[in-house]
Amino acid sequence: MGKRKVFSEEEISKNLVLPNQGQVIGKVIGLLGSGWVVVACQDGKVRRTRVRGKLRRRIWVKLNDIVLVEPWPFQDDHGEILFRYTSGQVDYLISKNVIDEKFVSEQAS
């Protein structure tokens, strides 16, 4: 195995995807299988989401991961996962007050 690369704050912010209009940040609280995941979002809703087909083999979503969710316009309790944040990116988002630190540190319920 190779060494883990350490990214600088500039490199993290360059590759970072921030939530746009209609997108929310959430925390994975359950795995359902077949690409479906239960996510507790920052807006207070729990959504049943799926990993986009484009990203299905590229990202692996685990419990307590922080993800970017886009709710479906026709069904608000469902959505799609657009991006999974790494721990370095989560720390950067906390420092820029995009995510509340209490939201990240809460236990899955």
PDB file of N, CA and C in Angstrom:
ATOM      1  N   MET A   1       0.835  -1.181   0.000  1.00  0.00           N
ATOM      2  CA  MET A   1       0.000   0.000   0.000  1.00  0.00           C
ATOM      3  C   MET A   1       0.875   1.237   0.000  1.00  0.00           C
ATOM      4  N   GLY A   2       0.386   2.264  -0.674  1.00  0.00           N
ATOM      5  CA  GLY A   2       1.121   3.510  -0.720  1.00  0.00           C
ATOM      6  C   GLY A   2       0.794   4.397   0.465  1.00  0.00           C
ATOM      7  N   LYS A   3       1.500   5.504   0.526  1.00  0.00           N
ATOM      8  CA  LYS A   3       1.242   6.457   1.602  1.00  0.00           C
ATOM      9  C   LYS A   3      -0.001   7.267   1.288  1.00  0.00           C
ATOM     10  N   ARG A   4      -0.695   7.661   2.315  1.00  0.00           N
ATOM     11  CA  ARG A   4      -1.870   8.496   2.152  1.00  0.00           C
ATOM     12  C   ARG A   4      -1.432   9.929   1.874  1.00  0.00           C
ATOM     13  N   LYS A   5      -1.990  10.521   0.834  1.00  0.00           N
ATOM     14  CA  LYS A   5      -1.616  11.880   0.474  1.00  0.00           C
ATOM     15  C   LYS A   5      -2.330  12.879   1.378  1.00  0.00           C
ATOM     16  N   VAL A   6      -1.597  13.853   1.861  1.00  0.00           N
ATOM     17  CA  VAL A   6      -2.162  14.903   2.705  1.00  0.00           C
ATOM     18  C   VAL A   6      -2.411  16.121   1.817  1.00  0.00           C
ATOM     19  N   PHE A   7      -3.675  16.580   1.810  1.00  0.00           N
ATOM     20  CA  PHE A   7      -4.058  17.703   0.970  1.00  0.00           C
ATOM     21  C   PHE A   7      -4.006  19.002   1.759  1.00  0.00           C
ATOM     22  N   SER A   8      -3.592  20.077   1.097  1.00  0.00           N
ATOM     23  CA  SER A   8      -3.595  21.385   1.737  1.00  0.00           C
ATOM     24  C   SER A   8      -5.013  21.961   1.693  1.00  0.00           C
ATOM     25  N   GLU A   9      -5.233  23.022   2.454  1.00  0.00           N
ATOM     26  CA  GLU A   9      -6.551  23.653   2.491  1.00  0.00           C
ATOM     27  C   GLU A   9      -6.934  24.199   1.120  1.00  0.00           C
ATOM     28  N   GLU A  10      -5.962  24.671   0.364  1.00  0.00           N
ATOM     29  CA  GLU A  10      -6.233  25.200  -0.974  1.00  0.00           C
ATOM     30  C   GLU A  10      -6.695  24.083  -1.914  1.00  0.00           C
ATOM     31  N   GLU A  11      -6.057  22.917  -1.833  1.00  0.00           N
ATOM     32  CA  GLU A  11      -6.444  21.794  -2.683  1.00  0.00           C
ATOM     33  C   GLU A  11      -7.830  21.272  -2.312  1.00  0.00           C
ATOM     34  N   ILE A  12      -8.142  21.273  -1.021  1.00  0.00           N
ATOM     35  CA  ILE A  12      -9.456  20.814  -0.569  1.00  0.00           C
ATOM     36  C   ILE A  12     -10.536  21.753  -1.084  1.00  0.00           C
ATOM     37  N   SER A  13     -10.316  23.055  -0.985  1.00  0.00           N
ATOM     38  CA  SER A  13     -11.339  24.008  -1.404  1.00  0.00           C
ATOM     39  C   SER A  13     -11.507  24.026  -2.920  1.00  0.00           C
ATOM     40  N   LYS A  14     -10.449  23.649  -3.665  1.00  0.00           N
ATOM     41  CA  LYS A  14     -10.536  23.642  -5.118  1.00  0.00           C
ATOM     42  C   LYS A  14     -11.448  22.515  -5.622  1.00  0.00           C
ATOM     43  N   ASN A  15     -11.415  21.369  -4.972  1.00  0.00           N
ATOM     44  CA  ASN A  15     -12.198  20.211  -5.396  1.00  0.00           C
ATOM     45  C   ASN A  15     -13.522  20.076  -4.649  1.00  0.00           C
ATOM     46  N   LEU A  16     -13.843  21.048  -3.835  1.00  0.00           N
ATOM     47  CA  LEU A  16     -15.012  20.966  -2.971  1.00  0.00           C
ATOM     48  C   LEU A  16     -16.280  21.356  -3.720  1.00  0.00           C
ATOM     49  N   VAL A  17     -17.343  20.575  -3.519  1.00  0.00           N
ATOM     50  CA  VAL A  17     -18.642  20.872  -4.114  1.00  0.00           C
ATOM     51  C   VAL A  17     -19.528  21.433  -3.005  1.00  0.00           C
ATOM     52  N   LEU A  18     -19.922  22.681  -3.133  1.00  0.00           N
ATOM     53  CA  LEU A  18     -20.794  23.331  -2.146  1.00  0.00           C
ATOM     54  C   LEU A  18     -22.247  23.183  -2.571  1.00  0.00           C
ATOM     55  N   PRO A  19     -23.176  23.193  -1.625  1.00  0.00           N
ATOM     56  CA  PRO A  19     -24.589  23.050  -1.986  1.00  0.00           C
ATOM     57  C   PRO A  19     -25.098  24.266  -2.747  1.00  0.00           C
ATOM     58  N   ASN A  20     -25.791  23.998  -3.846  1.00  0.00           N
ATOM     59  CA  ASN A  20     -26.428  25.044  -4.639  1.00  0.00           C
ATOM     60  C   ASN A  20     -27.877  25.189  -4.195  1.00  0.00           C
ATOM     61  N   GLN A  21     -28.623  25.997  -4.921  1.00  0.00           N
ATOM     62  CA  GLN A  21     -30.042  26.190  -4.636  1.00  0.00           C
ATOM     63  C   GLN A  21     -30.767  24.854  -4.735  1.00  0.00           C
ATOM     64  N   GLY A  22     -31.514  24.497  -3.704  1.00  0.00           N
ATOM     65  CA  GLY A  22     -32.286  23.260  -3.717  1.00  0.00           C
ATOM     66  C   GLY A  22     -31.519  22.035  -3.264  1.00  0.00           C
ATOM     67  N   GLN A  23     -30.264  22.172  -2.873  1.00  0.00           N
ATOM     68  CA  GLN A  23     -29.468  21.044  -2.400  1.00  0.00           C
ATOM     69  C   GLN A  23     -29.189  21.218  -0.912  1.00  0.00           C
ATOM     70  N   VAL A  24     -29.098  20.103  -0.187  1.00  0.00           N
ATOM     71  CA  VAL A  24     -28.847  20.140   1.249  1.00  0.00           C
ATOM     72  C   VAL A  24     -27.734  19.150   1.593  1.00  0.00           C
ATOM     73  N   ILE A  25     -27.119  19.383   2.726  1.00  0.00           N
ATOM     74  CA  ILE A  25     -26.091  18.486   3.230  1.00  0.00           C
ATOM     75  C   ILE A  25     -26.747  17.578   4.257  1.00  0.00           C
ATOM     76  N   GLY A  26     -26.377  16.296   4.216  1.00  0.00           N
ATOM     77  CA  GLY A  26     -26.974  15.344   5.131  1.00  0.00           C
ATOM     78  C   GLY A  26     -25.961  14.353   5.657  1.00  0.00           C
ATOM     79  N   LYS A  27     -26.420  13.561   6.628  1.00  0.00           N
ATOM     80  CA  LYS A  27     -25.579  12.542   7.248  1.00  0.00           C
ATOM     81  C   LYS A  27     -26.259  11.185   7.071  1.00  0.00           C
ATOM     82  N   VAL A  28     -25.489  10.202   6.628  1.00  0.00           N
ATOM     83  CA  VAL A  28     -26.026   8.868   6.374  1.00  0.00           C
ATOM     84  C   VAL A  28     -26.348   8.195   7.708  1.00  0.00           C
ATOM     85  N   ILE A  29     -27.601   7.756   7.860  1.00  0.00           N
ATOM     86  CA  ILE A  29     -27.999   7.081   9.101  1.00  0.00           C
ATOM     87  C   ILE A  29     -28.434   5.644   8.856  1.00  0.00           C
ATOM     88  N   GLY A  30     -28.537   5.240   7.593  1.00  0.00           N
ATOM     89  CA  GLY A  30     -28.929   3.862   7.312  1.00  0.00           C
ATOM     90  C   GLY A  30     -28.601   3.470   5.887  1.00  0.00           C
ATOM     91  N   LEU A  31     -28.246   2.186   5.708  1.00  0.00           N
ATOM     92  CA  LEU A  31     -27.965   1.643   4.388  1.00  0.00           C
ATOM     93  C   LEU A  31     -29.039   0.610   4.073  1.00  0.00           C
ATOM     94  N   LEU A  32     -29.711   0.779   2.928  1.00  0.00           N
ATOM     95  CA  LEU A  32     -30.818  -0.097   2.572  1.00  0.00           C
ATOM     96  C   LEU A  32     -30.441  -1.140   1.534  1.00  0.00           C
ATOM     97  N   GLY A  33     -29.373  -0.933   0.794  1.00  0.00           N
ATOM     98  CA  GLY A  33     -28.974  -1.848  -0.255  1.00  0.00           C
ATOM     99  C   GLY A  33     -29.466  -1.391  -1.612  1.00  0.00           C
ATOM    100  N   SER A  34     -28.882  -1.961  -2.663  1.00  0.00           N
ATOM    101  CA  SER A  34     -29.232  -1.633  -4.054  1.00  0.00           C
ATOM    102  C   SER A  34     -29.065  -0.151  -4.355  1.00  0.00           C
ATOM    103  N   GLY A  35     -28.118   0.498  -3.714  1.00  0.00           N
ATOM    104  CA  GLY A  35     -27.849   1.912  -3.968  1.00  0.00           C
ATOM    105  C   GLY A  35     -28.733   2.871  -3.202  1.00  0.00           C
ATOM    106  N   TRP A  36     -29.583   2.380  -2.307  1.00  0.00           N
ATOM    107  CA  TRP A  36     -30.470   3.234  -1.531  1.00  0.00           C
ATOM    108  C   TRP A  36     -29.907   3.450  -0.132  1.00  0.00           C
ATOM    109  N   VAL A  37     -30.026   4.694   0.357  1.00  0.00           N
ATOM    110  CA  VAL A  37     -29.451   5.106   1.637  1.00  0.00           C
ATOM    111  C   VAL A  37     -30.450   6.008   2.356  1.00  0.00           C
ATOM    112  N   VAL A  38     -30.517   5.919   3.688  1.00  0.00           N
ATOM    113  CA  VAL A  38     -31.345   6.823   4.487  1.00  0.00           C
ATOM    114  C   VAL A  38     -30.443   7.936   5.013  1.00  0.00           C
ATOM    115  N   VAL A  39     -30.826   9.193   4.755  1.00  0.00           N
ATOM    116  CA  VAL A  39     -30.008  10.350   5.095  1.00  0.00           C
ATOM    117  C   VAL A  39     -30.824  11.328   5.939  1.00  0.00           C
ATOM    118  N   ALA A  40     -30.233  11.774   7.070  1.00  0.00           N
ATOM    119  CA  ALA A  40     -30.820  12.847   7.873  1.00  0.00           C
ATOM    120  C   ALA A  40     -30.237  14.156   7.366  1.00  0.00           C
ATOM    121  N   CYS A  41     -31.078  15.016   6.815  1.00  0.00           N
ATOM    122  CA  CYS A  41     -30.608  16.256   6.190  1.00  0.00           C
ATOM    123  C   CYS A  41     -30.607  17.404   7.188  1.00  0.00           C
ATOM    124  N   GLN A  42     -29.868  18.465   6.833  1.00  0.00           N
ATOM    125  CA  GLN A  42     -29.770  19.637   7.709  1.00  0.00           C
ATOM    126  C   GLN A  42     -31.079  20.390   7.830  1.00  0.00           C
ATOM    127  N   ASP A  43     -31.981  20.233   6.874  1.00  0.00           N
ATOM    128  CA  ASP A  43     -33.265  20.930   6.962  1.00  0.00           C
ATOM    129  C   ASP A  43     -34.254  20.219   7.876  1.00  0.00           C
ATOM    130  N   GLY A  44     -33.805  19.152   8.567  1.00  0.00           N
ATOM    131  CA  GLY A  44     -34.634  18.477   9.549  1.00  0.00           C
ATOM    132  C   GLY A  44     -35.412  17.291   9.013  1.00  0.00           C
ATOM    133  N   LYS A  45     -35.306  16.980   7.742  1.00  0.00           N
ATOM    134  CA  LYS A  45     -36.043  15.872   7.156  1.00  0.00           C
ATOM    135  C   LYS A  45     -35.146  14.649   7.008  1.00  0.00           C
ATOM    136  N   VAL A  46     -35.761  13.488   7.089  1.00  0.00           N
ATOM    137  CA  VAL A  46     -35.062  12.230   6.818  1.00  0.00           C
ATOM    138  C   VAL A  46     -35.511  11.781   5.437  1.00  0.00           C
ATOM    139  N   ARG A  47     -34.555  11.588   4.544  1.00  0.00           N
ATOM    140  CA  ARG A  47     -34.880  11.244   3.163  1.00  0.00           C
ATOM    141  C   ARG A  47     -34.313   9.879   2.792  1.00  0.00           C
ATOM    142  N   ARG A  48     -35.057   9.192   1.970  1.00  0.00           N
ATOM    143  CA  ARG A  48     -34.571   7.951   1.363  1.00  0.00           C
ATOM    144  C   ARG A  48     -33.932   8.364   0.038  1.00  0.00           C
ATOM    145  N   THR A  49     -32.630   8.184  -0.065  1.00  0.00           N
ATOM    146  CA  THR A  49     -31.906   8.677  -1.227  1.00  0.00           C
ATOM    147  C   THR A  49     -31.223   7.526  -1.956  1.00  0.00           C
ATOM    148  N   ARG A  50     -30.792   7.808  -3.171  1.00  0.00           N
ATOM    149  CA  ARG A  50     -30.031   6.823  -3.929  1.00  0.00           C
ATOM    150  C   ARG A  50     -28.788   7.482  -4.491  1.00  0.00           C
ATOM    151  N   VAL A  51     -27.786   6.661  -4.717  1.00  0.00           N
ATOM    152  CA  VAL A  51     -26.552   7.155  -5.318  1.00  0.00           C
ATOM    153  C   VAL A  51     -26.786   7.215  -6.823  1.00  0.00           C
ATOM    154  N   ARG A  52     -26.452   8.339  -7.426  1.00  0.00           N
ATOM    155  CA  ARG A  52     -26.623   8.497  -8.868  1.00  0.00           C
ATOM    156  C   ARG A  52     -25.883   7.395  -9.605  1.00  0.00           C
ATOM    157  N   GLY A  53     -26.419   6.974 -10.728  1.00  0.00           N
ATOM    158  CA  GLY A  53     -25.801   5.918 -11.524  1.00  0.00           C
ATOM    159  C   GLY A  53     -24.400   6.276 -11.980  1.00  0.00           C
ATOM    160  N   LYS A  54     -24.170   7.543 -12.265  1.00  0.00           N
ATOM    161  CA  LYS A  54     -22.857   8.019 -12.700  1.00  0.00           C
ATOM    162  C   LYS A  54     -21.809   7.817 -11.611  1.00  0.00           C
ATOM    163  N   LEU A  55     -22.234   7.895 -10.345  1.00  0.00           N
ATOM    164  CA  LEU A  55     -21.304   7.805  -9.222  1.00  0.00           C
ATOM    165  C   LEU A  55     -21.332   6.450  -8.515  1.00  0.00           C
ATOM    166  N   ARG A  56     -22.205   5.551  -8.924  1.00  0.00           N
ATOM    167  CA  ARG A  56     -22.449   4.328  -8.173  1.00  0.00           C
ATOM    168  C   ARG A  56     -21.179   3.509  -7.946  1.00  0.00           C
ATOM    169  N   ARG A  57     -20.320   3.385  -8.931  1.00  0.00           N
ATOM    170  CA  ARG A  57     -19.104   2.599  -8.769  1.00  0.00           C
ATOM    171  C   ARG A  57     -17.906   3.445  -8.337  1.00  0.00           C
ATOM    172  N   ARG A  58     -18.057   4.751  -8.320  1.00  0.00           N
ATOM    173  CA  ARG A  58     -16.936   5.632  -7.970  1.00  0.00           C
ATOM    174  C   ARG A  58     -16.875   5.985  -6.497  1.00  0.00           C
ATOM    175  N   ILE A  59     -18.031   6.110  -5.856  1.00  0.00           N
ATOM    176  CA  ILE A  59     -18.021   6.447  -4.438  1.00  0.00           C
ATOM    177  C   ILE A  59     -18.703   5.347  -3.655  1.00  0.00           C
ATOM    178  N   TRP A  60     -18.196   5.087  -2.469  1.00  0.00           N
ATOM    179  CA  TRP A  60     -18.775   4.110  -1.563  1.00  0.00           C
ATOM    180  C   TRP A  60     -19.267   4.867  -0.345  1.00  0.00           C
ATOM    181  N   VAL A  61     -20.550   4.769  -0.087  1.00  0.00           N
ATOM    182  CA  VAL A  61     -21.169   5.498   1.010  1.00  0.00           C
ATOM    183  C   VAL A  61     -21.258   4.572   2.214  1.00  0.00           C
ATOM    184  N   LYS A  62     -20.800   5.067   3.371  1.00  0.00           N
ATOM    185  CA  LYS A  62     -20.819   4.306   4.611  1.00  0.00           C
ATOM    186  C   LYS A  62     -21.664   5.052   5.644  1.00  0.00           C
ATOM    187  N   LEU A  63     -21.957   4.368   6.750  1.00  0.00           N
ATOM    188  CA  LEU A  63     -22.696   5.015   7.833  1.00  0.00           C
ATOM    189  C   LEU A  63     -21.927   6.225   8.352  1.00  0.00           C
ATOM    190  N   ASN A  64     -22.625   7.257   8.737  1.00  0.00           N
ATOM    191  CA  ASN A  64     -22.109   8.506   9.301  1.00  0.00           C
ATOM    192  C   ASN A  64     -21.298   9.336   8.311  1.00  0.00           C
ATOM    193  N   ASP A  65     -21.347   9.022   7.017  1.00  0.00           N
ATOM    194  CA  ASP A  65     -20.713   9.879   6.011  1.00  0.00           C
ATOM    195  C   ASP A  65     -21.542  11.137   5.827  1.00  0.00           C
ATOM    196  N   ILE A  66     -20.871  12.234   5.496  1.00  0.00           N
ATOM    197  CA  ILE A  66     -21.547  13.487   5.170  1.00  0.00           C
ATOM    198  C   ILE A  66     -21.657  13.557   3.648  1.00  0.00           C
ATOM    199  N   VAL A  67     -22.877  13.771   3.148  1.00  0.00           N
ATOM    200  CA  VAL A  67     -23.134  13.733   1.712  1.00  0.00           C
ATOM    201  C   VAL A  67     -23.932  14.966   1.278  1.00  0.00           C
ATOM    202  N   LEU A  68     -23.859  15.247  -0.006  1.00  0.00           N
ATOM    203  CA  LEU A  68     -24.649  16.313  -0.618  1.00  0.00           C
ATOM    204  C   LEU A  68     -25.861  15.675  -1.283  1.00  0.00           C
ATOM    205  N   VAL A  69     -27.055  16.134  -0.907  1.00  0.00           N
ATOM    206  CA  VAL A  69     -28.307  15.536  -1.372  1.00  0.00           C
ATOM    207  C   VAL A  69     -29.103  16.555  -2.169  1.00  0.00           C
ATOM    208  N   GLU A  70     -29.681  16.095  -3.275  1.00  0.00           N
ATOM    209  CA  GLU A  70     -30.623  16.923  -4.021  1.00  0.00           C
ATOM    210  C   GLU A  70     -31.999  16.265  -3.937  1.00  0.00           C
ATOM    211  N   PRO A  71     -32.940  16.887  -3.195  1.00  0.00           N
ATOM    212  CA  PRO A  71     -34.281  16.305  -3.083  1.00  0.00           C
ATOM    213  C   PRO A  71     -34.977  16.268  -4.441  1.00  0.00           C
ATOM    214  N   TRP A  72     -35.788  15.241  -4.639  1.00  0.00           N
ATOM    215  CA  TRP A  72     -36.564  15.143  -5.872  1.00  0.00           C
ATOM    216  C   TRP A  72     -37.637  16.221  -5.857  1.00  0.00           C
ATOM    217  N   PRO A  73     -37.877  16.906  -6.979  1.00  0.00           N
ATOM    218  CA  PRO A  73     -38.884  17.974  -6.991  1.00  0.00           C
ATOM    219  C   PRO A  73     -40.315  17.465  -6.844  1.00  0.00           C
ATOM    220  N   PHE A  74     -40.565  16.214  -7.191  1.00  0.00           N
ATOM    221  CA  PHE A  74     -41.916  15.677  -7.142  1.00  0.00           C
ATOM    222  C   PHE A  74     -42.196  14.830  -5.903  1.00  0.00           C
ATOM    223  N   GLN A  75     -41.161  14.516  -5.127  1.00  0.00           N
ATOM    224  CA  GLN A  75     -41.325  13.722  -3.915  1.00  0.00           C
ATOM    225  C   GLN A  75     -40.264  14.176  -2.922  1.00  0.00           C
ATOM    226  N   ASP A  76     -40.644  14.999  -1.963  1.00  0.00           N
ATOM    227  CA  ASP A  76     -39.683  15.672  -1.092  1.00  0.00           C
ATOM    228  C   ASP A  76     -38.989  14.735  -0.103  1.00  0.00           C
ATOM    229  N   ASP A  77     -39.573  13.565   0.177  1.00  0.00           N
ATOM    230  CA  ASP A  77     -38.937  12.660   1.133  1.00  0.00           C
ATOM    231  C   ASP A  77     -37.966  11.684   0.456  1.00  0.00           C
ATOM    232  N   HIS A  78     -37.681  11.890  -0.822  1.00  0.00           N
ATOM    233  CA  HIS A  78     -36.698  11.110  -1.564  1.00  0.00           C
ATOM    234  C   HIS A  78     -35.695  12.062  -2.213  1.00  0.00           C
ATOM    235  N   GLY A  79     -34.560  11.544  -2.626  1.00  0.00           N
ATOM    236  CA  GLY A  79     -33.576  12.396  -3.279  1.00  0.00           C
ATOM    237  C   GLY A  79     -32.428  11.579  -3.844  1.00  0.00           C
ATOM    238  N   GLU A  80     -31.418  12.300  -4.333  1.00  0.00           N
ATOM    239  CA  GLU A  80     -30.230  11.672  -4.903  1.00  0.00           C
ATOM    240  C   GLU A  80     -28.980  12.190  -4.215  1.00  0.00           C
ATOM    241  N   ILE A  81     -28.028  11.295  -3.992  1.00  0.00           N
ATOM    242  CA  ILE A  81     -26.733  11.686  -3.443  1.00  0.00           C
ATOM    243  C   ILE A  81     -25.859  12.130  -4.600  1.00  0.00           C
ATOM    244  N   LEU A  82     -25.361  13.361  -4.514  1.00  0.00           N
ATOM    245  CA  LEU A  82     -24.538  13.918  -5.574  1.00  0.00           C
ATOM    246  C   LEU A  82     -23.048  13.853  -5.274  1.00  0.00           C
ATOM    247  N   PHE A  83     -22.685  13.852  -3.980  1.00  0.00           N
ATOM    248  CA  PHE A  83     -21.276  13.950  -3.609  1.00  0.00           C
ATOM    249  C   PHE A  83     -21.100  13.440  -2.188  1.00  0.00           C
ATOM    250  N   ARG A  84     -19.976  12.775  -1.924  1.00  0.00           N
ATOM    251  CA  ARG A  84     -19.630  12.350  -0.561  1.00  0.00           C
ATOM    252  C   ARG A  84     -18.395  13.125  -0.134  1.00  0.00           C
ATOM    253  N   TYR A  85     -18.487  13.778   1.021  1.00  0.00           N
ATOM    254  CA  TYR A  85     -17.384  14.585   1.521  1.00  0.00           C
ATOM    255  C   TYR A  85     -16.399  13.718   2.301  1.00  0.00           C
ATOM    256  N   THR A  86     -15.102  13.981   2.120  1.00  0.00           N
ATOM    257  CA  THR A  86     -14.069  13.311   2.900  1.00  0.00           C
ATOM    258  C   THR A  86     -13.959  13.995   4.261  1.00  0.00           C
ATOM    259  N   SER A  87     -13.208  13.398   5.170  1.00  0.00           N
ATOM    260  CA  SER A  87     -13.085  13.990   6.507  1.00  0.00           C
ATOM    261  C   SER A  87     -12.388  15.355   6.449  1.00  0.00           C
ATOM    262  N   GLY A  88     -11.412  15.516   5.566  1.00  0.00           N
ATOM    263  CA  GLY A  88     -10.757  16.814   5.412  1.00  0.00           C
ATOM    264  C   GLY A  88     -11.703  17.876   4.875  1.00  0.00           C
ATOM    265  N   GLN A  89     -12.557  17.480   3.943  1.00  0.00           N
ATOM    266  CA  GLN A  89     -13.532  18.420   3.398  1.00  0.00           C
ATOM    267  C   GLN A  89     -14.580  18.786   4.439  1.00  0.00           C
ATOM    268  N   VAL A  90     -14.964  17.835   5.282  1.00  0.00           N
ATOM    269  CA  VAL A  90     -15.926  18.121   6.346  1.00  0.00           C
ATOM    270  C   VAL A  90     -15.330  19.115   7.331  1.00  0.00           C
ATOM    271  N   ASP A  91     -14.061  18.924   7.705  1.00  0.00           N
ATOM    272  CA  ASP A  91     -13.400  19.875   8.604  1.00  0.00           C
ATOM    273  C   ASP A  91     -13.353  21.269   7.984  1.00  0.00           C
ATOM    274  N   TYR A  92     -13.094  21.337   6.687  1.00  0.00           N
ATOM    275  CA  TYR A  92     -13.065  22.625   5.987  1.00  0.00           C
ATOM    276  C   TYR A  92     -14.453  23.273   5.991  1.00  0.00           C
ATOM    277  N   LEU A  93     -15.511  22.488   5.750  1.00  0.00           N
ATOM    278  CA  LEU A  93     -16.873  23.027   5.748  1.00  0.00           C
ATOM    279  C   LEU A  93     -17.281  23.513   7.139  1.00  0.00           C
ATOM    280  N   ILE A  94     -16.817  22.815   8.180  1.00  0.00           N
ATOM    281  CA  ILE A  94     -17.102  23.258   9.548  1.00  0.00           C
ATOM    282  C   ILE A  94     -16.397  24.584   9.822  1.00  0.00           C
ATOM    283  N   SER A  95     -15.151  24.715   9.371  1.00  0.00           N
ATOM    284  CA  SER A  95     -14.405  25.958   9.615  1.00  0.00           C
ATOM    285  C   SER A  95     -15.009  27.144   8.862  1.00  0.00           C
ATOM    286  N   LYS A  96     -15.670  26.881   7.732  1.00  0.00           N
ATOM    287  CA  LYS A  96     -16.313  27.952   6.954  1.00  0.00           C
ATOM    288  C   LYS A  96     -17.784  28.130   7.317  1.00  0.00           C
ATOM    289  N   ASN A  97     -18.249  27.449   8.387  1.00  0.00           N
ATOM    290  CA  ASN A  97     -19.622  27.542   8.893  1.00  0.00           C
ATOM    291  C   ASN A  97     -20.682  27.148   7.870  1.00  0.00           C
ATOM    292  N   VAL A  98     -20.358  26.198   6.994  1.00  0.00           N
ATOM    293  CA  VAL A  98     -21.353  25.652   6.077  1.00  0.00           C
ATOM    294  C   VAL A  98     -22.128  24.539   6.778  1.00  0.00           C
ATOM    295  N   ILE A  99     -21.412  23.775   7.623  1.00  0.00           N
ATOM    296  CA  ILE A  99     -22.011  22.698   8.410  1.00  0.00           C
ATOM    297  C   ILE A  99     -21.816  23.023   9.883  1.00  0.00           C
ATOM    298  N   ASP A 100     -22.833  22.715  10.689  1.00  0.00           N
ATOM    299  CA  ASP A 100     -22.725  22.853  12.119  1.00  0.00           C
ATOM    300  C   ASP A 100     -21.961  21.657  12.683  1.00  0.00           C
ATOM    301  N   GLU A 101     -21.018  21.907  13.560  1.00  0.00           N
ATOM    302  CA  GLU A 101     -20.196  20.826  14.113  1.00  0.00           C
ATOM    303  C   GLU A 101     -21.047  19.842  14.915  1.00  0.00           C
ATOM    304  N   LYS A 102     -22.106  20.330  15.533  1.00  0.00           N
ATOM    305  CA  LYS A 102     -22.995  19.470  16.304  1.00  0.00           C
ATOM    306  C   LYS A 102     -23.725  18.477  15.386  1.00  0.00           C
ATOM    307  N   PHE A 103     -24.050  18.906  14.163  1.00  0.00           N
ATOM    308  CA  PHE A 103     -24.711  18.033  13.182  1.00  0.00           C
ATOM    309  C   PHE A 103     -23.801  16.863  12.805  1.00  0.00           C
ATOM    310  N   VAL A 104     -22.516  17.123  12.656  1.00  0.00           N
ATOM    311  CA  VAL A 104     -21.567  16.085  12.253  1.00  0.00           C
ATOM    312  C   VAL A 104     -21.294  15.121  13.394  1.00  0.00           C
ATOM    313  N   SER A 105     -21.211  15.627  14.631  1.00  0.00           N
ATOM    314  CA  SER A 105     -20.830  14.793  15.754  1.00  0.00           C
ATOM    315  C   SER A 105     -21.991  14.022  16.373  1.00  0.00           C
ATOM    316  N   GLU A 106     -23.239  14.290  15.971  1.00  0.00           N
ATOM    317  CA  GLU A 106     -24.381  13.582  16.526  1.00  0.00           C
ATOM    318  C   GLU A 106     -24.321  12.113  16.153  1.00  0.00           C
ATOM    319  N   GLN A 107     -24.755  11.256  17.072  1.00  0.00           N
ATOM    320  CA  GLN A 107     -24.816   9.823  16.805  1.00  0.00           C
ATOM    321  C   GLN A 107     -26.011   9.529  15.914  1.00  0.00           C
ATOM    322  N   ALA A 108     -25.879   8.522  15.063  1.00  0.00           N
ATOM    323  CA  ALA A 108     -26.997   8.113  14.216  1.00  0.00           C
ATOM    324  C   ALA A 108     -28.109   7.551  15.087  1.00  0.00           C
ATOM    325  N   SER A 109     -29.320   7.994  14.819  1.00  0.00           N
ATOM    326  CA  SER A 109     -30.436   7.507  15.630  1.00  0.00           C
ATOM    327  C   SER A 109     -31.450   6.777  14.800  1.00  0.00           C
TER     328      SER A 109
END
